[in-house]
Amino acid sequence: GGHGTLGAPDLVALRFGISGLLLAPVLLRQAPSLPRRAWTDGLWFLVGSGAPFALALSFGLRHAPASHAAALTPGTMPLFAAGLGALLLRERPGRVRLLGFGLIAAGAGGIVASAGGGEWAGHAVFLACGLAWAAATVRLRQSRLTALDATALTCVYSLAYVPLYLLSGASRLGGAAWGELAVQAVYQGVLASAVAL
Protein backbone atom coordinates (compact mmCIF):
# COMPACT_ATOMS: atom_id res chain seq x y z
CA GLY A 1 0.00 0.00 0.00
CA GLY A 2 2.85 2.38 0.73
CA HIS A 3 4.25 2.13 -2.80
CA GLY A 4 1.09 2.77 -4.81
CA THR A 5 -0.85 5.90 -5.69
CA LEU A 6 -2.86 5.84 -2.48
CA GLY A 7 -1.54 7.42 0.67
CA ALA A 8 -2.11 6.48 4.31
CA PRO A 9 -5.26 8.66 4.62
CA ASP A 10 -6.76 6.84 1.61
CA LEU A 11 -5.93 3.41 2.98
CA VAL A 12 -7.45 4.23 6.37
CA ALA A 13 -10.58 5.56 4.64
CA LEU A 14 -10.90 2.37 2.60
CA ARG A 15 -10.19 0.20 5.64
CA PHE A 16 -12.84 1.67 7.88
CA GLY A 17 -15.25 3.08 5.31
CA ILE A 18 -15.83 -0.36 3.83
CA SER A 19 -15.66 -2.38 7.06
CA GLY A 20 -17.85 0.16 8.88
CA LEU A 21 -20.54 -0.15 6.22
CA LEU A 22 -20.24 -3.94 6.16
CA LEU A 23 -20.54 -4.24 9.94
CA ALA A 24 -23.18 -1.55 10.52
CA PRO A 25 -26.02 -4.08 9.99
CA VAL A 26 -24.35 -6.44 12.48
CA LEU A 27 -24.17 -3.66 15.07
CA LEU A 28 -27.77 -2.62 14.43
CA ARG A 29 -28.91 -6.22 14.87
CA GLN A 30 -26.89 -6.60 18.10
CA ALA A 31 -27.75 -3.15 19.51
CA PRO A 32 -30.82 -4.19 21.54
CA SER A 33 -28.88 -6.91 23.37
CA LEU A 34 -25.74 -4.86 24.04
CA PRO A 35 -25.28 -3.47 27.55
CA ARG A 36 -25.21 0.34 27.83
CA ARG A 37 -21.54 0.20 28.76
CA ALA A 38 -20.74 -1.33 25.35
CA TRP A 39 -21.19 2.04 23.66
CA THR A 40 -18.47 3.65 25.82
CA ASP A 41 -16.31 0.53 25.54
CA GLY A 42 -16.50 1.12 21.79
CA LEU A 43 -14.50 4.32 22.28
CA TRP A 44 -11.66 2.28 23.81
CA PHE A 45 -11.77 -0.07 20.82
CA LEU A 46 -11.85 2.89 18.43
CA VAL A 47 -8.67 4.42 19.87
CA GLY A 48 -6.91 1.09 20.41
CA SER A 49 -7.58 -0.55 17.06
CA GLY A 50 -9.67 1.76 14.88
CA ALA A 51 -8.95 4.72 12.62
CA PRO A 52 -6.87 6.68 15.19
CA PHE A 53 -4.65 3.62 15.69
CA ALA A 54 -4.16 3.17 11.93
CA LEU A 55 -3.42 6.87 11.41
CA ALA A 56 -0.90 6.92 14.26
CA LEU A 57 0.84 3.84 12.89
CA SER A 58 1.10 5.44 9.45
CA PHE A 59 2.64 8.54 11.08
CA GLY A 60 5.23 6.32 12.75
CA LEU A 61 6.06 4.73 9.40
CA ARG A 62 7.21 8.13 8.14
CA HIS A 63 9.97 8.11 10.74
CA ALA A 64 11.03 4.47 11.09
CA PRO A 65 11.09 1.37 8.87
CA ALA A 66 8.09 -0.93 8.49
CA SER A 67 10.22 -3.80 9.86
CA HIS A 68 10.53 -1.89 13.14
CA ALA A 69 6.77 -1.32 13.22
CA ALA A 70 6.17 -5.03 12.57
CA ALA A 71 8.41 -5.94 15.50
CA LEU A 72 7.55 -3.23 18.00
CA THR A 73 3.78 -2.80 17.73
CA PRO A 74 2.49 -6.40 17.66
CA GLY A 75 5.60 -7.60 19.50
CA THR A 76 4.97 -5.46 22.57
CA MET A 77 1.20 -5.93 22.68
CA PRO A 78 1.46 -9.09 24.83
CA LEU A 79 3.91 -7.35 27.18
CA PHE A 80 1.63 -4.33 27.63
CA ALA A 81 -1.48 -6.52 27.89
CA ALA A 82 0.17 -8.59 30.63
CA GLY A 83 1.15 -5.45 32.52
CA LEU A 84 -2.34 -3.99 32.26
CA GLY A 85 -3.86 -7.38 33.10
CA ALA A 86 -1.76 -7.55 36.27
CA LEU A 87 -2.75 -4.01 37.26
CA LEU A 88 -6.43 -4.08 36.34
CA LEU A 89 -7.47 -7.73 36.35
CA ARG A 90 -5.05 -8.99 39.01
CA GLU A 91 -3.71 -11.65 36.65
CA ARG A 92 -0.38 -13.14 37.69
CA PRO A 93 1.76 -14.60 34.90
CA GLY A 94 3.84 -17.69 35.61
CA ARG A 95 7.62 -17.97 35.31
CA VAL A 96 7.64 -19.06 31.68
CA ARG A 97 5.50 -16.10 30.66
CA LEU A 98 7.67 -13.72 32.70
CA LEU A 99 10.71 -15.08 30.87
CA GLY A 100 8.92 -14.51 27.55
CA PHE A 101 7.99 -10.97 28.54
CA GLY A 102 11.61 -10.32 29.49
CA LEU A 103 12.72 -11.49 26.06
CA ILE A 104 10.13 -9.25 24.39
CA ALA A 105 11.33 -6.27 26.43
CA ALA A 106 14.96 -7.03 25.56
CA GLY A 107 14.17 -7.32 21.86
CA ALA A 108 12.16 -4.11 21.84
CA GLY A 109 14.92 -2.38 23.80
CA GLY A 110 17.48 -3.54 21.26
CA ILE A 111 15.46 -2.12 18.36
CA VAL A 112 14.91 1.19 20.15
CA ALA A 113 18.58 1.43 21.17
CA SER A 114 19.66 0.94 17.56
CA ALA A 115 17.55 3.89 16.37
CA GLY A 116 19.26 6.32 14.09
CA GLY A 117 18.33 9.85 13.11
CA GLY A 118 14.65 10.55 13.69
CA GLU A 119 13.67 6.89 14.10
CA TRP A 120 13.02 7.47 17.81
CA ALA A 121 9.76 9.29 16.91
CA GLY A 122 8.55 6.29 14.91
CA HIS A 123 9.57 3.92 17.69
CA ALA A 124 7.67 5.99 20.26
CA VAL A 125 4.55 5.86 18.09
CA PHE A 126 4.91 2.11 17.51
CA LEU A 127 5.20 1.48 21.25
CA ALA A 128 2.23 3.76 21.96
CA CYS A 129 0.21 1.83 19.38
CA GLY A 130 1.15 -1.45 21.08
CA LEU A 131 0.00 -0.01 24.42
CA ALA A 132 -3.25 1.30 22.90
CA TRP A 133 -4.06 -2.08 21.35
CA ALA A 134 -3.27 -3.83 24.64
CA ALA A 135 -5.55 -1.42 26.53
CA ALA A 136 -8.37 -2.13 24.07
CA THR A 137 -7.77 -5.87 24.49
CA VAL A 138 -7.95 -5.65 28.29
CA ARG A 139 -11.07 -3.49 28.01
CA LEU A 140 -12.63 -6.12 25.73
CA ARG A 141 -11.90 -8.76 28.35
CA GLN A 142 -13.54 -6.63 31.04
CA SER A 143 -16.55 -5.85 28.85
CA ARG A 144 -17.47 -9.48 28.15
CA LEU A 145 -18.53 -8.47 24.63
CA THR A 146 -17.94 -10.89 21.79
CA ALA A 147 -15.11 -10.28 19.34
CA LEU A 148 -17.71 -9.60 16.63
CA ASP A 149 -19.43 -6.96 18.79
CA ALA A 150 -16.12 -5.23 19.51
CA THR A 151 -15.11 -5.37 15.85
CA ALA A 152 -18.44 -3.92 14.75
CA LEU A 153 -18.16 -1.10 17.31
CA THR A 154 -14.59 -0.34 16.22
CA CYS A 155 -15.36 -0.24 12.51
CA VAL A 156 -18.67 1.62 12.77
CA TYR A 157 -17.20 4.22 15.14
CA SER A 158 -14.27 4.60 12.73
CA LEU A 159 -16.71 5.65 10.02
CA ALA A 160 -16.51 9.12 11.62
CA TYR A 161 -13.08 9.44 10.00
CA VAL A 162 -14.46 9.22 6.44
CA PRO A 163 -16.23 12.62 6.30
CA LEU A 164 -13.19 14.29 7.88
CA TYR A 165 -10.98 12.63 5.28
CA LEU A 166 -13.25 13.73 2.41
CA LEU A 167 -13.38 17.31 3.71
CA SER A 168 -9.60 17.46 4.14
CA GLY A 169 -8.93 17.29 0.40
CA ALA A 170 -6.26 14.62 0.99
CA SER A 171 -8.01 11.99 -1.14
CA ARG A 172 -6.04 10.37 -3.95
CA LEU A 173 -8.76 7.84 -4.73
CA GLY A 174 -9.61 9.54 -8.01
CA GLY A 175 -6.05 9.13 -9.31
CA ALA A 176 -5.69 5.45 -8.46
CA ALA A 177 -6.12 2.65 -10.98
CA TRP A 178 -9.19 0.45 -10.59
CA GLY A 179 -6.98 -2.57 -9.92
CA GLU A 180 -5.20 -0.85 -7.05
CA LEU A 181 -8.51 0.32 -5.61
CA ALA A 182 -10.00 -3.17 -5.85
CA VAL A 183 -7.01 -4.83 -4.17
CA GLN A 184 -6.91 -2.27 -1.38
CA ALA A 185 -10.68 -2.31 -0.92
CA VAL A 186 -10.61 -6.08 -0.32
CA TYR A 187 -7.38 -6.09 1.68
CA GLN A 188 -8.03 -2.98 3.80
CA GLY A 189 -11.83 -2.98 3.93
CA VAL A 190 -12.39 -6.68 4.55
CA LEU A 191 -9.23 -8.54 5.56
CA ALA A 192 -7.16 -5.99 7.52
CA SER A 193 -10.15 -4.60 9.38
CA ALA A 194 -13.21 -6.80 9.74
CA VAL A 195 -11.48 -10.20 9.53
CA ALA A 196 -8.21 -9.30 11.33
CA LEU A 197 -9.95 -7.52 14.21
C-alpha atoms as a PDB file:
ATOM      1  CA  GLY A   1       0.000   0.000   0.000  1.00  0.00           C
ATOM      2  CA  GLY A   2       2.851   2.377   0.729  1.00  0.00           C
ATOM      3  CA  HIS A   3       4.250   2.125  -2.803  1.00  0.00           C
ATOM      4  CA  GLY A   4       1.092   2.775  -4.812  1.00  0.00           C
ATOM      5  CA  THR A   5      -0.849   5.905  -5.694  1.00  0.00           C
ATOM      6  CA  LEU A   6      -2.865   5.837  -2.483  1.00  0.00           C
ATOM      7  CA  GLY A   7      -1.542   7.425   0.674  1.00  0.00           C
ATOM      8  CA  ALA A   8      -2.113   6.484   4.306  1.00  0.00           C
ATOM      9  CA  PRO A   9      -5.261   8.656   4.625  1.00  0.00           C
ATOM     10  CA  ASP A  10      -6.759   6.839   1.608  1.00  0.00           C
ATOM     11  CA  LEU A  11      -5.931   3.410   2.980  1.00  0.00           C
ATOM     12  CA  VAL A  12      -7.450   4.228   6.367  1.00  0.00           C
ATOM     13  CA  ALA A  13     -10.581   5.564   4.642  1.00  0.00           C
ATOM     14  CA  LEU A  14     -10.899   2.371   2.599  1.00  0.00           C
ATOM     15  CA  ARG A  15     -10.188   0.198   5.641  1.00  0.00           C
ATOM     16  CA  PHE A  16     -12.843   1.670   7.877  1.00  0.00           C
ATOM     17  CA  GLY A  17     -15.249   3.083   5.311  1.00  0.00           C
ATOM     18  CA  ILE A  18     -15.833  -0.362   3.831  1.00  0.00           C
ATOM     19  CA  SER A  19     -15.659  -2.378   7.060  1.00  0.00           C
ATOM     20  CA  GLY A  20     -17.854   0.157   8.875  1.00  0.00           C
ATOM     21  CA  LEU A  21     -20.536  -0.146   6.216  1.00  0.00           C
ATOM     22  CA  LEU A  22     -20.239  -3.943   6.157  1.00  0.00           C
ATOM     23  CA  LEU A  23     -20.536  -4.244   9.938  1.00  0.00           C
ATOM     24  CA  ALA A  24     -23.184  -1.552  10.522  1.00  0.00           C
ATOM     25  CA  PRO A  25     -26.025  -4.082   9.993  1.00  0.00           C
ATOM     26  CA  VAL A  26     -24.354  -6.442  12.483  1.00  0.00           C
ATOM     27  CA  LEU A  27     -24.165  -3.665  15.075  1.00  0.00           C
ATOM     28  CA  LEU A  28     -27.766  -2.619  14.433  1.00  0.00           C
ATOM     29  CA  ARG A  29     -28.914  -6.219  14.870  1.00  0.00           C
ATOM     30  CA  GLN A  30     -26.890  -6.603  18.097  1.00  0.00           C
ATOM     31  CA  ALA A  31     -27.748  -3.151  19.512  1.00  0.00           C
ATOM     32  CA  PRO A  32     -30.823  -4.191  21.536  1.00  0.00           C
ATOM     33  CA  SER A  33     -28.882  -6.906  23.366  1.00  0.00           C
ATOM     34  CA  LEU A  34     -25.735  -4.864  24.043  1.00  0.00           C
ATOM     35  CA  PRO A  35     -25.284  -3.468  27.550  1.00  0.00           C
ATOM     36  CA  ARG A  36     -25.213   0.340  27.825  1.00  0.00           C
ATOM     37  CA  ARG A  37     -21.543   0.198  28.763  1.00  0.00           C
ATOM     38  CA  ALA A  38     -20.736  -1.333  25.352  1.00  0.00           C
ATOM     39  CA  TRP A  39     -21.189   2.044  23.661  1.00  0.00           C
ATOM     40  CA  THR A  40     -18.472   3.647  25.816  1.00  0.00           C
ATOM     41  CA  ASP A  41     -16.309   0.532  25.544  1.00  0.00           C
ATOM     42  CA  GLY A  42     -16.496   1.117  21.795  1.00  0.00           C
ATOM     43  CA  LEU A  43     -14.503   4.316  22.284  1.00  0.00           C
ATOM     44  CA  TRP A  44     -11.660   2.278  23.807  1.00  0.00           C
ATOM     45  CA  PHE A  45     -11.773  -0.071  20.821  1.00  0.00           C
ATOM     46  CA  LEU A  46     -11.849   2.886  18.429  1.00  0.00           C
ATOM     47  CA  VAL A  47      -8.672   4.417  19.868  1.00  0.00           C
ATOM     48  CA  GLY A  48      -6.908   1.087  20.406  1.00  0.00           C
ATOM     49  CA  SER A  49      -7.576  -0.555  17.058  1.00  0.00           C
ATOM     50  CA  GLY A  50      -9.668   1.761  14.876  1.00  0.00           C
ATOM     51  CA  ALA A  51      -8.949   4.720  12.618  1.00  0.00           C
ATOM     52  CA  PRO A  52      -6.867   6.684  15.194  1.00  0.00           C
ATOM     53  CA  PHE A  53      -4.646   3.623  15.691  1.00  0.00           C
ATOM     54  CA  ALA A  54      -4.163   3.172  11.930  1.00  0.00           C
ATOM     55  CA  LEU A  55      -3.417   6.871  11.407  1.00  0.00           C
ATOM     56  CA  ALA A  56      -0.896   6.925  14.257  1.00  0.00           C
ATOM     57  CA  LEU A  57       0.837   3.842  12.892  1.00  0.00           C
ATOM     58  CA  SER A  58       1.100   5.441   9.454  1.00  0.00           C
ATOM     59  CA  PHE A  59       2.636   8.538  11.082  1.00  0.00           C
ATOM     60  CA  GLY A  60       5.230   6.323  12.751  1.00  0.00           C
ATOM     61  CA  LEU A  61       6.062   4.731   9.402  1.00  0.00           C
ATOM     62  CA  ARG A  62       7.205   8.127   8.139  1.00  0.00           C
ATOM     63  CA  HIS A  63       9.966   8.108  10.744  1.00  0.00           C
ATOM     64  CA  ALA A  64      11.030   4.474  11.092  1.00  0.00           C
ATOM     65  CA  PRO A  65      11.087   1.372   8.872  1.00  0.00           C
ATOM     66  CA  ALA A  66       8.092  -0.934   8.495  1.00  0.00           C
ATOM     67  CA  SER A  67      10.224  -3.796   9.858  1.00  0.00           C
ATOM     68  CA  HIS A  68      10.529  -1.887  13.141  1.00  0.00           C
ATOM     69  CA  ALA A  69       6.769  -1.321  13.216  1.00  0.00           C
ATOM     70  CA  ALA A  70       6.174  -5.028  12.572  1.00  0.00           C
ATOM     71  CA  ALA A  71       8.412  -5.943  15.500  1.00  0.00           C
ATOM     72  CA  LEU A  72       7.546  -3.227  18.001  1.00  0.00           C
ATOM     73  CA  THR A  73       3.777  -2.804  17.733  1.00  0.00           C
ATOM     74  CA  PRO A  74       2.495  -6.396  17.663  1.00  0.00           C
ATOM     75  CA  GLY A  75       5.599  -7.600  19.502  1.00  0.00           C
ATOM     76  CA  THR A  76       4.969  -5.460  22.569  1.00  0.00           C
ATOM     77  CA  MET A  77       1.197  -5.929  22.683  1.00  0.00           C
ATOM     78  CA  PRO A  78       1.463  -9.094  24.830  1.00  0.00           C
ATOM     79  CA  LEU A  79       3.908  -7.353  27.178  1.00  0.00           C
ATOM     80  CA  PHE A  80       1.634  -4.334  27.630  1.00  0.00           C
ATOM     81  CA  ALA A  81      -1.480  -6.521  27.888  1.00  0.00           C
ATOM     82  CA  ALA A  82       0.166  -8.591  30.632  1.00  0.00           C
ATOM     83  CA  GLY A  83       1.149  -5.446  32.524  1.00  0.00           C
ATOM     84  CA  LEU A  84      -2.342  -3.988  32.259  1.00  0.00           C
ATOM     85  CA  GLY A  85      -3.860  -7.376  33.096  1.00  0.00           C
ATOM     86  CA  ALA A  86      -1.758  -7.555  36.267  1.00  0.00           C
ATOM     87  CA  LEU A  87      -2.749  -4.009  37.263  1.00  0.00           C
ATOM     88  CA  LEU A  88      -6.431  -4.078  36.339  1.00  0.00           C
ATOM     89  CA  LEU A  89      -7.474  -7.727  36.353  1.00  0.00           C
ATOM     90  CA  ARG A  90      -5.047  -8.989  39.007  1.00  0.00           C
ATOM     91  CA  GLU A  91      -3.711 -11.646  36.652  1.00  0.00           C
ATOM     92  CA  ARG A  92      -0.383 -13.142  37.689  1.00  0.00           C
ATOM     93  CA  PRO A  93       1.757 -14.596  34.901  1.00  0.00           C
ATOM     94  CA  GLY A  94       3.845 -17.688  35.605  1.00  0.00           C
ATOM     95  CA  ARG A  95       7.622 -17.975  35.308  1.00  0.00           C
ATOM     96  CA  VAL A  96       7.642 -19.056  31.677  1.00  0.00           C
ATOM     97  CA  ARG A  97       5.503 -16.098  30.664  1.00  0.00           C
ATOM     98  CA  LEU A  98       7.668 -13.724  32.700  1.00  0.00           C
ATOM     99  CA  LEU A  99      10.711 -15.080  30.868  1.00  0.00           C
ATOM    100  CA  GLY A 100       8.923 -14.513  27.547  1.00  0.00           C
ATOM    101  CA  PHE A 101       7.987 -10.974  28.540  1.00  0.00           C
ATOM    102  CA  GLY A 102      11.610 -10.320  29.489  1.00  0.00           C
ATOM    103  CA  LEU A 103      12.723 -11.489  26.056  1.00  0.00           C
ATOM    104  CA  ILE A 104      10.126  -9.251  24.393  1.00  0.00           C
ATOM    105  CA  ALA A 105      11.333  -6.267  26.429  1.00  0.00           C
ATOM    106  CA  ALA A 106      14.964  -7.028  25.563  1.00  0.00           C
ATOM    107  CA  GLY A 107      14.167  -7.323  21.861  1.00  0.00           C
ATOM    108  CA  ALA A 108      12.157  -4.105  21.841  1.00  0.00           C
ATOM    109  CA  GLY A 109      14.916  -2.379  23.800  1.00  0.00           C
ATOM    110  CA  GLY A 110      17.481  -3.541  21.257  1.00  0.00           C
ATOM    111  CA  ILE A 111      15.460  -2.121  18.363  1.00  0.00           C
ATOM    112  CA  VAL A 112      14.907   1.191  20.147  1.00  0.00           C
ATOM    113  CA  ALA A 113      18.577   1.429  21.169  1.00  0.00           C
ATOM    114  CA  SER A 114      19.663   0.941  17.558  1.00  0.00           C
ATOM    115  CA  ALA A 115      17.545   3.890  16.368  1.00  0.00           C
ATOM    116  CA  GLY A 116      19.259   6.323  14.091  1.00  0.00           C
ATOM    117  CA  GLY A 117      18.328   9.855  13.107  1.00  0.00           C
ATOM    118  CA  GLY A 118      14.647  10.547  13.693  1.00  0.00           C
ATOM    119  CA  GLU A 119      13.669   6.888  14.104  1.00  0.00           C
ATOM    120  CA  TRP A 120      13.020   7.469  17.809  1.00  0.00           C
ATOM    121  CA  ALA A 121       9.761   9.295  16.906  1.00  0.00           C
ATOM    122  CA  GLY A 122       8.547   6.295  14.910  1.00  0.00           C
ATOM    123  CA  HIS A 123       9.565   3.922  17.689  1.00  0.00           C
ATOM    124  CA  ALA A 124       7.671   5.989  20.263  1.00  0.00           C
ATOM    125  CA  VAL A 125       4.550   5.861  18.089  1.00  0.00           C
ATOM    126  CA  PHE A 126       4.907   2.105  17.505  1.00  0.00           C
ATOM    127  CA  LEU A 127       5.199   1.481  21.245  1.00  0.00           C
ATOM    128  CA  ALA A 128       2.230   3.758  21.963  1.00  0.00           C
ATOM    129  CA  CYS A 129       0.210   1.827  19.380  1.00  0.00           C
ATOM    130  CA  GLY A 130       1.149  -1.447  21.079  1.00  0.00           C
ATOM    131  CA  LEU A 131      -0.001  -0.012  24.416  1.00  0.00           C
ATOM    132  CA  ALA A 132      -3.247   1.304  22.900  1.00  0.00           C
ATOM    133  CA  TRP A 133      -4.059  -2.076  21.350  1.00  0.00           C
ATOM    134  CA  ALA A 134      -3.273  -3.826  24.638  1.00  0.00           C
ATOM    135  CA  ALA A 135      -5.552  -1.415  26.529  1.00  0.00           C
ATOM    136  CA  ALA A 136      -8.374  -2.128  24.074  1.00  0.00           C
ATOM    137  CA  THR A 137      -7.773  -5.865  24.490  1.00  0.00           C
ATOM    138  CA  VAL A 138      -7.947  -5.649  28.287  1.00  0.00           C
ATOM    139  CA  ARG A 139     -11.066  -3.493  28.014  1.00  0.00           C
ATOM    140  CA  LEU A 140     -12.634  -6.121  25.734  1.00  0.00           C
ATOM    141  CA  ARG A 141     -11.900  -8.763  28.347  1.00  0.00           C
ATOM    142  CA  GLN A 142     -13.540  -6.632  31.042  1.00  0.00           C
ATOM    143  CA  SER A 143     -16.554  -5.853  28.854  1.00  0.00           C
ATOM    144  CA  ARG A 144     -17.470  -9.481  28.146  1.00  0.00           C
ATOM    145  CA  LEU A 145     -18.526  -8.467  24.633  1.00  0.00           C
ATOM    146  CA  THR A 146     -17.944 -10.894  21.792  1.00  0.00           C
ATOM    147  CA  ALA A 147     -15.113 -10.281  19.342  1.00  0.00           C
ATOM    148  CA  LEU A 148     -17.709  -9.596  16.632  1.00  0.00           C
ATOM    149  CA  ASP A 149     -19.435  -6.964  18.794  1.00  0.00           C
ATOM    150  CA  ALA A 150     -16.123  -5.227  19.514  1.00  0.00           C
ATOM    151  CA  THR A 151     -15.105  -5.365  15.848  1.00  0.00           C
ATOM    152  CA  ALA A 152     -18.438  -3.918  14.749  1.00  0.00           C
ATOM    153  CA  LEU A 153     -18.164  -1.103  17.309  1.00  0.00           C
ATOM    154  CA  THR A 154     -14.589  -0.341  16.221  1.00  0.00           C
ATOM    155  CA  CYS A 155     -15.360  -0.238  12.507  1.00  0.00           C
ATOM    156  CA  VAL A 156     -18.671   1.621  12.768  1.00  0.00           C
ATOM    157  CA  TYR A 157     -17.201   4.224  15.144  1.00  0.00           C
ATOM    158  CA  SER A 158     -14.274   4.602  12.726  1.00  0.00           C
ATOM    159  CA  LEU A 159     -16.715   5.652  10.017  1.00  0.00           C
ATOM    160  CA  ALA A 160     -16.512   9.117  11.624  1.00  0.00           C
ATOM    161  CA  TYR A 161     -13.081   9.443   9.996  1.00  0.00           C
ATOM    162  CA  VAL A 162     -14.456   9.216   6.439  1.00  0.00           C
ATOM    163  CA  PRO A 163     -16.231  12.617   6.296  1.00  0.00           C
ATOM    164  CA  LEU A 164     -13.187  14.294   7.879  1.00  0.00           C
ATOM    165  CA  TYR A 165     -10.982  12.629   5.285  1.00  0.00           C
ATOM    166  CA  LEU A 166     -13.246  13.727   2.412  1.00  0.00           C
ATOM    167  CA  LEU A 167     -13.381  17.310   3.706  1.00  0.00           C
ATOM    168  CA  SER A 168      -9.596  17.464   4.141  1.00  0.00           C
ATOM    169  CA  GLY A 169      -8.930  17.291   0.404  1.00  0.00           C
ATOM    170  CA  ALA A 170      -6.263  14.619   0.994  1.00  0.00           C
ATOM    171  CA  SER A 171      -8.011  11.994  -1.136  1.00  0.00           C
ATOM    172  CA  ARG A 172      -6.041  10.371  -3.947  1.00  0.00           C
ATOM    173  CA  LEU A 173      -8.757   7.840  -4.731  1.00  0.00           C
ATOM    174  CA  GLY A 174      -9.614   9.544  -8.010  1.00  0.00           C
ATOM    175  CA  GLY A 175      -6.052   9.133  -9.306  1.00  0.00           C
ATOM    176  CA  ALA A 176      -5.693   5.447  -8.459  1.00  0.00           C
ATOM    177  CA  ALA A 177      -6.122   2.654 -10.983  1.00  0.00           C
ATOM    178  CA  TRP A 178      -9.186   0.447 -10.594  1.00  0.00           C
ATOM    179  CA  GLY A 179      -6.981  -2.573  -9.917  1.00  0.00           C
ATOM    180  CA  GLU A 180      -5.196  -0.847  -7.049  1.00  0.00           C
ATOM    181  CA  LEU A 181      -8.513   0.322  -5.610  1.00  0.00           C
ATOM    182  CA  ALA A 182     -10.000  -3.172  -5.845  1.00  0.00           C
ATOM    183  CA  VAL A 183      -7.009  -4.832  -4.169  1.00  0.00           C
ATOM    184  CA  GLN A 184      -6.906  -2.268  -1.378  1.00  0.00           C
ATOM    185  CA  ALA A 185     -10.681  -2.312  -0.921  1.00  0.00           C
ATOM    186  CA  VAL A 186     -10.608  -6.075  -0.321  1.00  0.00           C
ATOM    187  CA  TYR A 187      -7.380  -6.091   1.681  1.00  0.00           C
ATOM    188  CA  GLN A 188      -8.026  -2.981   3.797  1.00  0.00           C
ATOM    189  CA  GLY A 189     -11.827  -2.978   3.929  1.00  0.00           C
ATOM    190  CA  VAL A 190     -12.389  -6.676   4.545  1.00  0.00           C
ATOM    191  CA  LEU A 191      -9.232  -8.537   5.564  1.00  0.00           C
ATOM    192  CA  ALA A 192      -7.160  -5.990   7.522  1.00  0.00           C
ATOM    193  CA  SER A 193     -10.154  -4.595   9.378  1.00  0.00           C
ATOM    194  CA  ALA A 194     -13.209  -6.805   9.742  1.00  0.00           C
ATOM    195  CA  VAL A 195     -11.478 -10.205   9.528  1.00  0.00           C
ATOM    196  CA  ALA A 196      -8.213  -9.304  11.328  1.00  0.00           C
ATOM    197  CA  LEU A 197      -9.946  -7.524  14.206  1.00  0.00           C
END
